[in-house]
Amino acid sequence: MSIAIDFDGVLSDTVQKWIQIFNIHYSKKYNNLQLSYNKITQWDFYQMYGISHEDSRQIFAQCWEQWDSLYPTEFMLSKKIEILSKLCGTLDIVTANNSTNYTYLEGFLHKHNIKYNTIIFEENKEKLDYDIFIDDSPVNAQKIFDAGKSVLLYNQPWNGDIISKEKNNVFIHRVYSLDHAIHILQNK
């Protein structure tokens, strides 16, 4: 079994850093808008608040440049990834992140002792050949499912409207933690 696990929103709590940077450096530009994690309820949340795509991308770039201050999404993340690795033959980090951020992602993974085979940069994840994808993007989850592949949708406020489904042994199942993902994979 091969697993593709996403970086932002699954391994790294990048959105918390994004919100922090926005509130400190961009809030005035947007009528003193102050964001909080519980206000992020859709995938392209910046559009909901009238934040430009360019500003959103710039803030994400700053997040990755500050990789050393990003937090893992879960406590004992490296141990959970180690267990996932033992359940499969291949565990790769597959991200839509920009490949110019490779050093930052690698630094984060090394700092938190997260073992993986390789980092793959690909926006169209559904084209890749993995048995299971672990991702937080509702857009990616649907594309992967439509391509006939299975997804463990990592629960985040921006994917709450996606419901679990199964068709021809392919599924989208919501997982609330990597422990939950491990449990599902051990019982498949």
C-alpha atoms as a PDB file:
ATOM      1  CA  MET A   1       0.000   0.000   0.000  1.00  0.00           C
ATOM      2  CA  SER A   2       1.251   3.487  -0.827  1.00  0.00           C
ATOM      3  CA  ILE A   3       0.221   6.635   1.030  1.00  0.00           C
ATOM      4  CA  ALA A   4       0.459  10.256  -0.093  1.00  0.00           C
ATOM      5  CA  ILE A   5       0.175  12.634   2.848  1.00  0.00           C
ATOM      6  CA  ASP A   6      -0.315  16.374   2.447  1.00  0.00           C
ATOM      7  CA  PHE A   7       1.925  18.926   4.152  1.00  0.00           C
ATOM      8  CA  ASP A   8      -0.050  22.139   4.832  1.00  0.00           C
ATOM      9  CA  GLY A   9      -3.044  21.504   7.061  1.00  0.00           C
ATOM     10  CA  VAL A  10      -2.199  17.843   7.681  1.00  0.00           C
ATOM     11  CA  LEU A  11       1.386  17.850   8.963  1.00  0.00           C
ATOM     12  CA  SER A  12       1.957  21.571   9.473  1.00  0.00           C
ATOM     13  CA  ASP A  13      -0.537  23.965  11.033  1.00  0.00           C
ATOM     14  CA  THR A  14       0.267  26.577   8.394  1.00  0.00           C
ATOM     15  CA  VAL A  15      -3.086  28.368   8.584  1.00  0.00           C
ATOM     16  CA  GLN A  16      -2.452  29.480  12.183  1.00  0.00           C
ATOM     17  CA  LYS A  17       0.772  31.181  11.037  1.00  0.00           C
ATOM     18  CA  TRP A  18      -1.069  32.660   8.012  1.00  0.00           C
ATOM     19  CA  ILE A  19      -3.670  34.214  10.326  1.00  0.00           C
ATOM     20  CA  GLN A  20      -0.965  35.586  12.611  1.00  0.00           C
ATOM     21  CA  ILE A  21       0.907  37.211   9.705  1.00  0.00           C
ATOM     22  CA  PHE A  22      -2.312  38.614   8.239  1.00  0.00           C
ATOM     23  CA  ASN A  23      -3.460  40.113  11.543  1.00  0.00           C
ATOM     24  CA  ILE A  24      -0.074  41.745  12.208  1.00  0.00           C
ATOM     25  CA  HIS A  25       0.933  42.948   8.729  1.00  0.00           C
ATOM     26  CA  TYR A  26      -2.169  43.054   6.487  1.00  0.00           C
ATOM     27  CA  SER A  27      -5.129  43.844   8.739  1.00  0.00           C
ATOM     28  CA  LYS A  28      -5.005  47.620   8.218  1.00  0.00           C
ATOM     29  CA  LYS A  29      -5.096  47.168   4.448  1.00  0.00           C
ATOM     30  CA  TYR A  30      -8.402  45.286   4.879  1.00  0.00           C
ATOM     31  CA  ASN A  31     -10.257  47.725   7.175  1.00  0.00           C
ATOM     32  CA  ASN A  32      -8.646  46.345  10.363  1.00  0.00           C
ATOM     33  CA  LEU A  33     -10.035  42.882   9.699  1.00  0.00           C
ATOM     34  CA  GLN A  34      -8.924  40.466  12.405  1.00  0.00           C
ATOM     35  CA  LEU A  35      -9.097  36.786  11.531  1.00  0.00           C
ATOM     36  CA  SER A  36      -9.203  33.783  13.824  1.00  0.00           C
ATOM     37  CA  TYR A  37      -8.999  30.071  13.117  1.00  0.00           C
ATOM     38  CA  ASN A  38     -12.697  29.493  13.804  1.00  0.00           C
ATOM     39  CA  LYS A  39     -13.606  32.048  11.087  1.00  0.00           C
ATOM     40  CA  ILE A  40     -11.922  29.952   8.366  1.00  0.00           C
ATOM     41  CA  THR A  41     -14.867  27.930   7.080  1.00  0.00           C
ATOM     42  CA  GLN A  42     -14.103  27.465   3.405  1.00  0.00           C
ATOM     43  CA  TRP A  43     -11.133  26.347   1.321  1.00  0.00           C
ATOM     44  CA  ASP A  44     -10.438  29.664  -0.438  1.00  0.00           C
ATOM     45  CA  PHE A  45     -11.228  31.581   2.748  1.00  0.00           C
ATOM     46  CA  TYR A  46      -9.289  34.666   1.692  1.00  0.00           C
ATOM     47  CA  GLN A  47     -11.881  35.296  -1.047  1.00  0.00           C
ATOM     48  CA  MET A  48     -14.669  35.284   1.530  1.00  0.00           C
ATOM     49  CA  TYR A  49     -13.021  38.275   3.216  1.00  0.00           C
ATOM     50  CA  GLY A  50     -12.051  40.117   0.028  1.00  0.00           C
ATOM     51  CA  ILE A  51      -8.331  39.424   0.509  1.00  0.00           C
ATOM     52  CA  SER A  52      -6.515  39.468  -2.823  1.00  0.00           C
ATOM     53  CA  HIS A  53      -5.051  36.271  -4.232  1.00  0.00           C
ATOM     54  CA  GLU A  54      -1.664  37.994  -4.456  1.00  0.00           C
ATOM     55  CA  ASP A  55      -1.723  38.953  -0.753  1.00  0.00           C
ATOM     56  CA  SER A  56      -2.824  35.435   0.188  1.00  0.00           C
ATOM     57  CA  ARG A  57       0.056  33.860  -1.768  1.00  0.00           C
ATOM     58  CA  GLN A  58       2.511  36.379  -0.312  1.00  0.00           C
ATOM     59  CA  ILE A  59       1.373  35.527   3.223  1.00  0.00           C
ATOM     60  CA  PHE A  60       1.782  31.804   2.525  1.00  0.00           C
ATOM     61  CA  ALA A  61       5.287  32.498   1.210  1.00  0.00           C
ATOM     62  CA  GLN A  62       6.077  34.265   4.486  1.00  0.00           C
ATOM     63  CA  CYS A  63       4.682  31.293   6.427  1.00  0.00           C
ATOM     64  CA  TRP A  64       7.054  28.903   4.695  1.00  0.00           C
ATOM     65  CA  GLU A  65       9.982  31.281   5.067  1.00  0.00           C
ATOM     66  CA  GLN A  66       9.235  31.124   8.809  1.00  0.00           C
ATOM     67  CA  TRP A  67       9.098  27.313   8.746  1.00  0.00           C
ATOM     68  CA  ASP A  68      10.984  27.130  12.028  1.00  0.00           C
ATOM     69  CA  SER A  69       8.014  28.701  13.831  1.00  0.00           C
ATOM     70  CA  LEU A  70       5.342  26.475  12.244  1.00  0.00           C
ATOM     71  CA  TYR A  71       3.720  23.948  14.558  1.00  0.00           C
ATOM     72  CA  PRO A  72       2.812  20.350  13.782  1.00  0.00           C
ATOM     73  CA  THR A  73      -0.906  19.691  13.546  1.00  0.00           C
ATOM     74  CA  GLU A  74      -0.729  16.998  16.224  1.00  0.00           C
ATOM     75  CA  PHE A  75       1.189  16.039  19.319  1.00  0.00           C
ATOM     76  CA  MET A  76       3.685  13.182  18.712  1.00  0.00           C
ATOM     77  CA  LEU A  77       3.383  13.640  14.954  1.00  0.00           C
ATOM     78  CA  SER A  78       6.638  11.823  14.163  1.00  0.00           C
ATOM     79  CA  LYS A  79       5.460   8.681  16.001  1.00  0.00           C
ATOM     80  CA  LYS A  80       2.149   8.692  14.099  1.00  0.00           C
ATOM     81  CA  ILE A  81       3.950   9.066  10.772  1.00  0.00           C
ATOM     82  CA  GLU A  82       6.250   6.207  11.774  1.00  0.00           C
ATOM     83  CA  ILE A  83       3.203   3.986  12.384  1.00  0.00           C
ATOM     84  CA  LEU A  84       1.661   5.011   9.048  1.00  0.00           C
ATOM     85  CA  SER A  85       4.969   4.196   7.343  1.00  0.00           C
ATOM     86  CA  LYS A  86       4.942   0.708   8.826  1.00  0.00           C
ATOM     87  CA  LEU A  87       1.411   0.153   7.494  1.00  0.00           C
ATOM     88  CA  CYS A  88       2.458   0.855   3.917  1.00  0.00           C
ATOM     89  CA  GLY A  89       5.328   0.236   1.572  1.00  0.00           C
ATOM     90  CA  THR A  90       5.624   3.894   0.591  1.00  0.00           C
ATOM     91  CA  LEU A  91       4.791   7.101   2.470  1.00  0.00           C
ATOM     92  CA  ASP A  92       5.483  10.269   0.525  1.00  0.00           C
ATOM     93  CA  ILE A  93       4.755  13.890   1.297  1.00  0.00           C
ATOM     94  CA  VAL A  94       2.661  15.108  -1.641  1.00  0.00           C
ATOM     95  CA  THR A  95       1.964  18.818  -1.641  1.00  0.00           C
ATOM     96  CA  ALA A  96       0.610  21.509  -3.943  1.00  0.00           C
ATOM     97  CA  ASN A  97       3.140  23.800  -2.283  1.00  0.00           C
ATOM     98  CA  ASN A  98       5.651  25.560  -4.534  1.00  0.00           C
ATOM     99  CA  SER A  99       8.815  23.499  -5.100  1.00  0.00           C
ATOM    100  CA  THR A 100      10.905  26.594  -4.338  1.00  0.00           C
ATOM    101  CA  ASN A 101       9.907  25.941  -0.705  1.00  0.00           C
ATOM    102  CA  TYR A 102      11.573  22.511  -0.655  1.00  0.00           C
ATOM    103  CA  THR A 103      14.274  23.573   1.815  1.00  0.00           C
ATOM    104  CA  TYR A 104      11.678  25.015   4.201  1.00  0.00           C
ATOM    105  CA  LEU A 105       9.490  21.894   4.103  1.00  0.00           C
ATOM    106  CA  GLU A 106      12.510  19.665   4.523  1.00  0.00           C
ATOM    107  CA  GLY A 107      13.658  21.788   7.486  1.00  0.00           C
ATOM    108  CA  PHE A 108      10.250  21.441   9.166  1.00  0.00           C
ATOM    109  CA  LEU A 109      10.175  17.672   8.613  1.00  0.00           C
ATOM    110  CA  HIS A 110      13.715  17.265   9.926  1.00  0.00           C
ATOM    111  CA  LYS A 111      13.087  19.501  12.955  1.00  0.00           C
ATOM    112  CA  HIS A 112      10.065  17.399  13.936  1.00  0.00           C
ATOM    113  CA  ASN A 113      11.787  14.085  13.121  1.00  0.00           C
ATOM    114  CA  ILE A 114       9.214  13.129  10.486  1.00  0.00           C
ATOM    115  CA  LYS A 115      10.472  10.285   8.301  1.00  0.00           C
ATOM    116  CA  TYR A 116       9.242  10.000   4.718  1.00  0.00           C
ATOM    117  CA  ASN A 117      10.388   8.607   1.383  1.00  0.00           C
ATOM    118  CA  THR A 118      10.248  11.755  -0.728  1.00  0.00           C
ATOM    119  CA  ILE A 119       8.557  15.113  -1.150  1.00  0.00           C
ATOM    120  CA  ILE A 120       6.528  15.449  -4.337  1.00  0.00           C
ATOM    121  CA  PHE A 121       5.258  18.821  -5.530  1.00  0.00           C
ATOM    122  CA  GLU A 122       2.076  18.359  -7.540  1.00  0.00           C
ATOM    123  CA  GLU A 123      -1.110  20.420  -7.758  1.00  0.00           C
ATOM    124  CA  ASN A 124      -3.006  17.690  -9.610  1.00  0.00           C
ATOM    125  CA  LYS A 125      -2.649  14.989  -6.985  1.00  0.00           C
ATOM    126  CA  GLU A 126      -5.380  12.883  -8.564  1.00  0.00           C
ATOM    127  CA  LYS A 127      -2.961  12.063 -11.405  1.00  0.00           C
ATOM    128  CA  LEU A 128      -0.537  10.345  -9.026  1.00  0.00           C
ATOM    129  CA  ASP A 129      -0.500   6.620  -8.361  1.00  0.00           C
ATOM    130  CA  TYR A 130      -1.126   6.141  -4.624  1.00  0.00           C
ATOM    131  CA  ASP A 131      -3.535   3.806  -2.865  1.00  0.00           C
ATOM    132  CA  ILE A 132      -4.517   6.294  -0.157  1.00  0.00           C
ATOM    133  CA  PHE A 133      -4.294  10.079   0.019  1.00  0.00           C
ATOM    134  CA  ILE A 134      -4.445  11.925   3.333  1.00  0.00           C
ATOM    135  CA  ASP A 135      -5.417  15.505   2.542  1.00  0.00           C
ATOM    136  CA  ASP A 136      -7.369  18.417   4.016  1.00  0.00           C
ATOM    137  CA  SER A 137      -8.418  20.067   0.749  1.00  0.00           C
ATOM    138  CA  PRO A 138     -12.065  19.472  -0.149  1.00  0.00           C
ATOM    139  CA  VAL A 139     -11.186  20.261  -3.774  1.00  0.00           C
ATOM    140  CA  ASN A 140      -8.371  17.690  -3.876  1.00  0.00           C
ATOM    141  CA  ALA A 141     -10.494  15.102  -2.045  1.00  0.00           C
ATOM    142  CA  GLN A 142     -13.249  15.306  -4.641  1.00  0.00           C
ATOM    143  CA  LYS A 143     -10.819  15.213  -7.599  1.00  0.00           C
ATOM    144  CA  ILE A 144      -8.978  12.220  -6.125  1.00  0.00           C
ATOM    145  CA  PHE A 145     -12.243  10.367  -5.463  1.00  0.00           C
ATOM    146  CA  ASP A 146     -13.527  11.174  -8.972  1.00  0.00           C
ATOM    147  CA  ALA A 147     -10.258   9.725 -10.354  1.00  0.00           C
ATOM    148  CA  GLY A 148     -11.086   6.411  -8.651  1.00  0.00           C
ATOM    149  CA  LYS A 149      -8.753   6.739  -5.651  1.00  0.00           C
ATOM    150  CA  SER A 150      -9.345   6.763  -1.899  1.00  0.00           C
ATOM    151  CA  VAL A 151      -8.984   9.733   0.439  1.00  0.00           C
ATOM    152  CA  LEU A 152      -8.786  10.107   4.175  1.00  0.00           C
ATOM    153  CA  LEU A 153      -9.999  13.694   4.539  1.00  0.00           C
ATOM    154  CA  TYR A 154      -8.131  15.279   7.437  1.00  0.00           C
ATOM    155  CA  ASN A 155     -10.751  17.227   9.364  1.00  0.00           C
ATOM    156  CA  GLN A 156     -10.375  20.995   9.193  1.00  0.00           C
ATOM    157  CA  PRO A 157     -12.939  23.818   9.436  1.00  0.00           C
ATOM    158  CA  TRP A 158     -12.645  24.463   5.691  1.00  0.00           C
ATOM    159  CA  ASN A 159     -13.756  20.953   4.676  1.00  0.00           C
ATOM    160  CA  GLY A 160     -16.734  20.453   7.000  1.00  0.00           C
ATOM    161  CA  ASP A 161     -19.256  20.297   4.152  1.00  0.00           C
ATOM    162  CA  ILE A 162     -17.674  17.210   2.562  1.00  0.00           C
ATOM    163  CA  ILE A 163     -19.492  14.011   3.464  1.00  0.00           C
ATOM    164  CA  SER A 164     -17.973  10.555   3.546  1.00  0.00           C
ATOM    165  CA  LYS A 165     -18.788   8.372   0.563  1.00  0.00           C
ATOM    166  CA  GLU A 166     -17.825   5.070  -0.940  1.00  0.00           C
ATOM    167  CA  LYS A 167     -18.201   3.673  -4.448  1.00  0.00           C
ATOM    168  CA  ASN A 168     -16.591   0.584  -6.009  1.00  0.00           C
ATOM    169  CA  ASN A 169     -14.135   0.132  -3.087  1.00  0.00           C
ATOM    170  CA  VAL A 170     -13.022   3.783  -3.388  1.00  0.00           C
ATOM    171  CA  PHE A 171     -13.861   6.174  -0.571  1.00  0.00           C
ATOM    172  CA  ILE A 172     -13.660   9.535   1.095  1.00  0.00           C
ATOM    173  CA  HIS A 173     -13.616   9.066   4.866  1.00  0.00           C
ATOM    174  CA  ARG A 174     -13.230  11.941   7.294  1.00  0.00           C
ATOM    175  CA  VAL A 175     -10.481  11.451   9.870  1.00  0.00           C
ATOM    176  CA  TYR A 176     -10.204  13.561  12.990  1.00  0.00           C
ATOM    177  CA  SER A 177      -6.565  12.774  13.666  1.00  0.00           C
ATOM    178  CA  LEU A 178      -3.758  10.676  12.283  1.00  0.00           C
ATOM    179  CA  ASP A 179      -4.565   8.145  15.024  1.00  0.00           C
ATOM    180  CA  HIS A 180      -7.998   7.870  13.427  1.00  0.00           C
ATOM    181  CA  ALA A 181      -6.370   7.391   9.993  1.00  0.00           C
ATOM    182  CA  ILE A 182      -4.163   4.659  11.436  1.00  0.00           C
ATOM    183  CA  HIS A 183      -7.212   2.925  12.932  1.00  0.00           C
ATOM    184  CA  ILE A 184      -9.053   2.986   9.592  1.00  0.00           C
ATOM    185  CA  LEU A 185      -6.051   1.648   7.682  1.00  0.00           C
ATOM    186  CA  GLN A 186      -5.410  -1.103  10.214  1.00  0.00           C
ATOM    187  CA  ASN A 187      -9.015  -2.266   9.823  1.00  0.00           C
ATOM    188  CA  LYS A 188      -9.272  -2.110   6.024  1.00  0.00           C
END
